């Protein structure tokens, strides 16, 4: 049974997509790797920010405790 032009076009499109699949999968893996690296860096920076925020609050409290009180 001969194939129609439409069937041939669909088969060519399918073949083209199958040939692109390894490249797409590699791009997906690279995107996952970059996402995980960025997520790890974000979490590290967030933890550092929280630590520094606590330190600033502690130093501010110490500074407030040492500041002489002035009564007007």
N, C-alpha and C. Protein backbone atom coordinates (compact mmCIF):
# COMPACT_ATOMS: atom_id res chain seq x y z
N UNK A 1 0.85 -1.18 0.00
CA UNK A 1 0.00 0.00 0.00
C UNK A 1 0.90 1.24 0.00
N UNK A 2 0.78 2.08 -1.01
CA UNK A 2 1.64 3.27 -1.07
C UNK A 2 1.24 4.29 -0.01
N UNK A 3 2.25 5.00 0.43
CA UNK A 3 2.01 6.02 1.45
C UNK A 3 1.64 7.34 0.77
N UNK A 4 0.81 8.08 1.45
CA UNK A 4 0.45 9.40 0.93
C UNK A 4 1.55 10.40 1.26
N UNK A 5 1.50 11.52 0.60
CA UNK A 5 2.48 12.58 0.88
C UNK A 5 2.41 13.03 2.33
N UNK A 6 1.20 13.05 2.87
CA UNK A 6 1.02 13.45 4.27
C UNK A 6 1.69 12.44 5.21
N UNK A 7 1.50 11.16 4.92
CA UNK A 7 2.14 10.11 5.73
C UNK A 7 3.65 10.23 5.67
N UNK A 8 4.17 10.47 4.47
CA UNK A 8 5.62 10.61 4.32
C UNK A 8 6.14 11.81 5.11
N UNK A 9 5.40 12.91 5.07
CA UNK A 9 5.81 14.10 5.82
C UNK A 9 5.82 13.81 7.32
N UNK A 10 4.81 13.09 7.78
CA UNK A 10 4.76 12.74 9.21
C UNK A 10 5.91 11.81 9.59
N UNK A 11 6.21 10.85 8.73
CA UNK A 11 7.33 9.94 9.01
C UNK A 11 8.66 10.69 9.03
N UNK A 12 8.83 11.63 8.11
CA UNK A 12 10.06 12.43 8.10
C UNK A 12 10.16 13.28 9.37
N UNK A 13 9.03 13.84 9.78
CA UNK A 13 9.02 14.64 11.01
C UNK A 13 9.35 13.77 12.21
N UNK A 14 8.80 12.59 12.26
CA UNK A 14 9.08 11.66 13.36
C UNK A 14 10.56 11.29 13.39
N UNK A 15 11.13 10.98 12.23
CA UNK A 15 12.55 10.64 12.15
C UNK A 15 13.41 11.82 12.61
N UNK A 16 13.05 13.02 12.18
CA UNK A 16 13.80 14.21 12.59
C UNK A 16 13.75 14.39 14.10
N UNK A 17 12.58 14.21 14.68
CA UNK A 17 12.44 14.35 16.13
C UNK A 17 13.23 13.27 16.87
N UNK A 18 13.23 12.06 16.33
CA UNK A 18 14.00 10.98 16.96
C UNK A 18 15.50 11.27 16.91
N UNK A 19 15.94 11.89 15.82
CA UNK A 19 17.36 12.24 15.71
C UNK A 19 17.74 13.37 16.68
N UNK A 20 16.78 14.23 16.99
CA UNK A 20 17.04 15.34 17.91
C UNK A 20 16.99 14.91 19.37
N UNK A 21 16.39 13.78 19.65
CA UNK A 21 16.16 13.33 21.02
C UNK A 21 17.43 13.28 21.88
N UNK A 22 18.55 12.70 21.41
CA UNK A 22 19.74 12.68 22.27
C UNK A 22 20.24 14.09 22.64
N UNK A 23 20.16 15.01 21.69
CA UNK A 23 20.58 16.39 21.96
C UNK A 23 19.66 17.05 22.99
N UNK A 24 18.37 16.79 22.86
CA UNK A 24 17.40 17.35 23.80
C UNK A 24 17.60 16.75 25.19
N UNK A 25 17.86 15.45 25.25
CA UNK A 25 18.10 14.81 26.55
C UNK A 25 19.37 15.35 27.20
N UNK A 26 20.41 15.58 26.40
CA UNK A 26 21.64 16.14 26.94
C UNK A 26 21.40 17.56 27.46
N UNK A 27 20.63 18.34 26.73
CA UNK A 27 20.31 19.70 27.18
C UNK A 27 19.50 19.67 28.47
N UNK A 28 18.60 18.71 28.58
CA UNK A 28 17.81 18.56 29.81
C UNK A 28 18.71 18.22 30.99
N UNK A 29 19.63 17.30 30.81
CA UNK A 29 20.55 16.93 31.89
C UNK A 29 21.41 18.12 32.30
N UNK A 30 21.87 18.90 31.33
CA UNK A 30 22.67 20.10 31.64
C UNK A 30 21.82 21.11 32.40
N UNK A 31 20.58 21.28 32.00
CA UNK A 31 19.69 22.21 32.70
C UNK A 31 19.44 21.75 34.13
N UNK A 32 19.26 20.45 34.33
CA UNK A 32 19.08 19.92 35.69
C UNK A 32 20.32 20.16 36.53
N UNK A 33 21.50 19.93 35.94
CA UNK A 33 22.75 20.12 36.66
C UNK A 33 22.90 21.59 37.07
N UNK A 34 22.63 22.49 36.13
CA UNK A 34 22.76 23.92 36.43
C UNK A 34 21.73 24.36 37.47
N UNK A 35 20.51 23.83 37.38
CA UNK A 35 19.47 24.15 38.36
C UNK A 35 19.91 23.71 39.76
N UNK A 36 20.40 22.48 39.87
CA UNK A 36 20.82 21.97 41.17
C UNK A 36 21.99 22.75 41.73
N UNK A 37 22.93 23.16 40.87
CA UNK A 37 24.05 23.98 41.32
C UNK A 37 23.56 25.34 41.81
N UNK A 38 22.65 25.95 41.06
CA UNK A 38 22.11 27.25 41.47
C UNK A 38 21.30 27.13 42.76
N UNK A 39 20.55 26.06 42.89
CA UNK A 39 19.76 25.84 44.12
C UNK A 39 20.68 25.67 45.32
N UNK A 40 21.77 24.91 45.15
CA UNK A 40 22.72 24.72 46.25
C UNK A 40 23.37 26.05 46.62
N UNK A 41 23.74 26.84 45.61
CA UNK A 41 24.35 28.15 45.89
C UNK A 41 23.35 29.06 46.59
N UNK A 42 22.10 29.05 46.15
CA UNK A 42 21.07 29.86 46.79
C UNK A 42 20.91 29.47 48.26
N UNK A 43 20.83 28.17 48.53
CA UNK A 43 20.67 27.71 49.91
C UNK A 43 21.86 28.09 50.76
N UNK A 44 23.06 28.03 50.19
CA UNK A 44 24.26 28.42 50.91
C UNK A 44 24.23 29.92 51.22
N UNK A 45 23.85 30.73 50.25
CA UNK A 45 23.77 32.17 50.46
C UNK A 45 22.66 32.53 51.45
N UNK A 46 21.54 31.82 51.40
CA UNK A 46 20.46 32.08 52.34
C UNK A 46 20.91 31.76 53.77
N UNK A 47 21.61 30.65 53.94
CA UNK A 47 22.10 30.29 55.27
C UNK A 47 23.10 31.33 55.77
N UNK A 48 23.98 31.79 54.89
CA UNK A 48 24.95 32.83 55.28
C UNK A 48 24.22 34.11 55.65
N UNK A 49 23.20 34.47 54.88
CA UNK A 49 22.42 35.67 55.17
C UNK A 49 21.73 35.56 56.53
N UNK A 50 21.14 34.41 56.81
CA UNK A 50 20.48 34.22 58.10
C UNK A 50 21.48 34.32 59.24
N UNK A 51 22.66 33.74 59.05
CA UNK A 51 23.70 33.80 60.08
C UNK A 51 24.12 35.25 60.32
N UNK A 52 24.37 35.98 59.23
CA UNK A 52 24.79 37.38 59.37
C UNK A 52 23.69 38.24 59.97
N UNK A 53 22.45 37.95 59.64
CA UNK A 53 21.33 38.70 60.21
C UNK A 53 21.27 38.49 61.72
N UNK A 54 21.47 37.25 62.16
CA UNK A 54 21.50 36.98 63.61
C UNK A 54 22.67 37.71 64.27
N UNK A 55 23.83 37.70 63.61
CA UNK A 55 25.00 38.38 64.18
C UNK A 55 24.75 39.88 64.31
N UNK A 56 24.17 40.49 63.28
CA UNK A 56 23.88 41.92 63.32
C UNK A 56 22.90 42.22 64.45
N UNK A 57 21.87 41.41 64.60
CA UNK A 57 20.90 41.63 65.68
C UNK A 57 21.57 41.51 67.04
N UNK A 58 22.46 40.53 67.18
CA UNK A 58 23.17 40.35 68.44
C UNK A 58 24.08 41.54 68.72
N UNK A 59 24.80 42.00 67.72
CA UNK A 59 25.69 43.16 67.90
C UNK A 59 24.89 44.42 68.19
N UNK A 60 23.74 44.58 67.54
CA UNK A 60 22.89 45.73 67.80
C UNK A 60 22.39 45.71 69.24
N UNK A 61 22.02 44.53 69.71
CA UNK A 61 21.56 44.41 71.10
C UNK A 61 22.68 44.75 72.06
N UNK A 62 23.89 44.26 71.79
CA UNK A 62 25.03 44.56 72.65
C UNK A 62 25.32 46.06 72.64
N UNK A 63 25.22 46.67 71.47
CA UNK A 63 25.46 48.11 71.36
C UNK A 63 24.40 48.89 72.14
N UNK A 64 23.15 48.47 72.03
CA UNK A 64 22.08 49.14 72.77
C UNK A 64 22.27 48.99 74.27
N UNK A 65 22.75 47.83 74.71
CA UNK A 65 22.97 47.60 76.13
C UNK A 65 24.10 48.46 76.68
N UNK A 66 25.08 48.79 75.86
CA UNK A 66 26.24 49.58 76.31
C UNK A 66 26.02 51.08 76.19
N UNK A 67 25.06 51.49 75.40
CA UNK A 67 24.84 52.91 75.15
C UNK A 67 24.33 53.57 76.43
N UNK A 68 24.99 54.65 76.84
CA UNK A 68 24.51 55.33 78.06
C UNK A 68 23.12 55.92 77.83
N UNK A 69 22.32 55.83 78.86
CA UNK A 69 20.96 56.35 78.76
C UNK A 69 20.99 57.85 79.06
N UNK A 70 20.29 58.59 78.26
CA UNK A 70 20.18 60.03 78.49
C UNK A 70 18.73 60.35 78.83
N UNK A 71 18.57 61.05 79.86
CA UNK A 71 17.23 61.44 80.27
C UNK A 71 17.12 62.94 80.11
N UNK A 72 16.13 63.38 79.42
CA UNK A 72 15.95 64.82 79.19
C UNK A 72 14.79 65.32 79.99
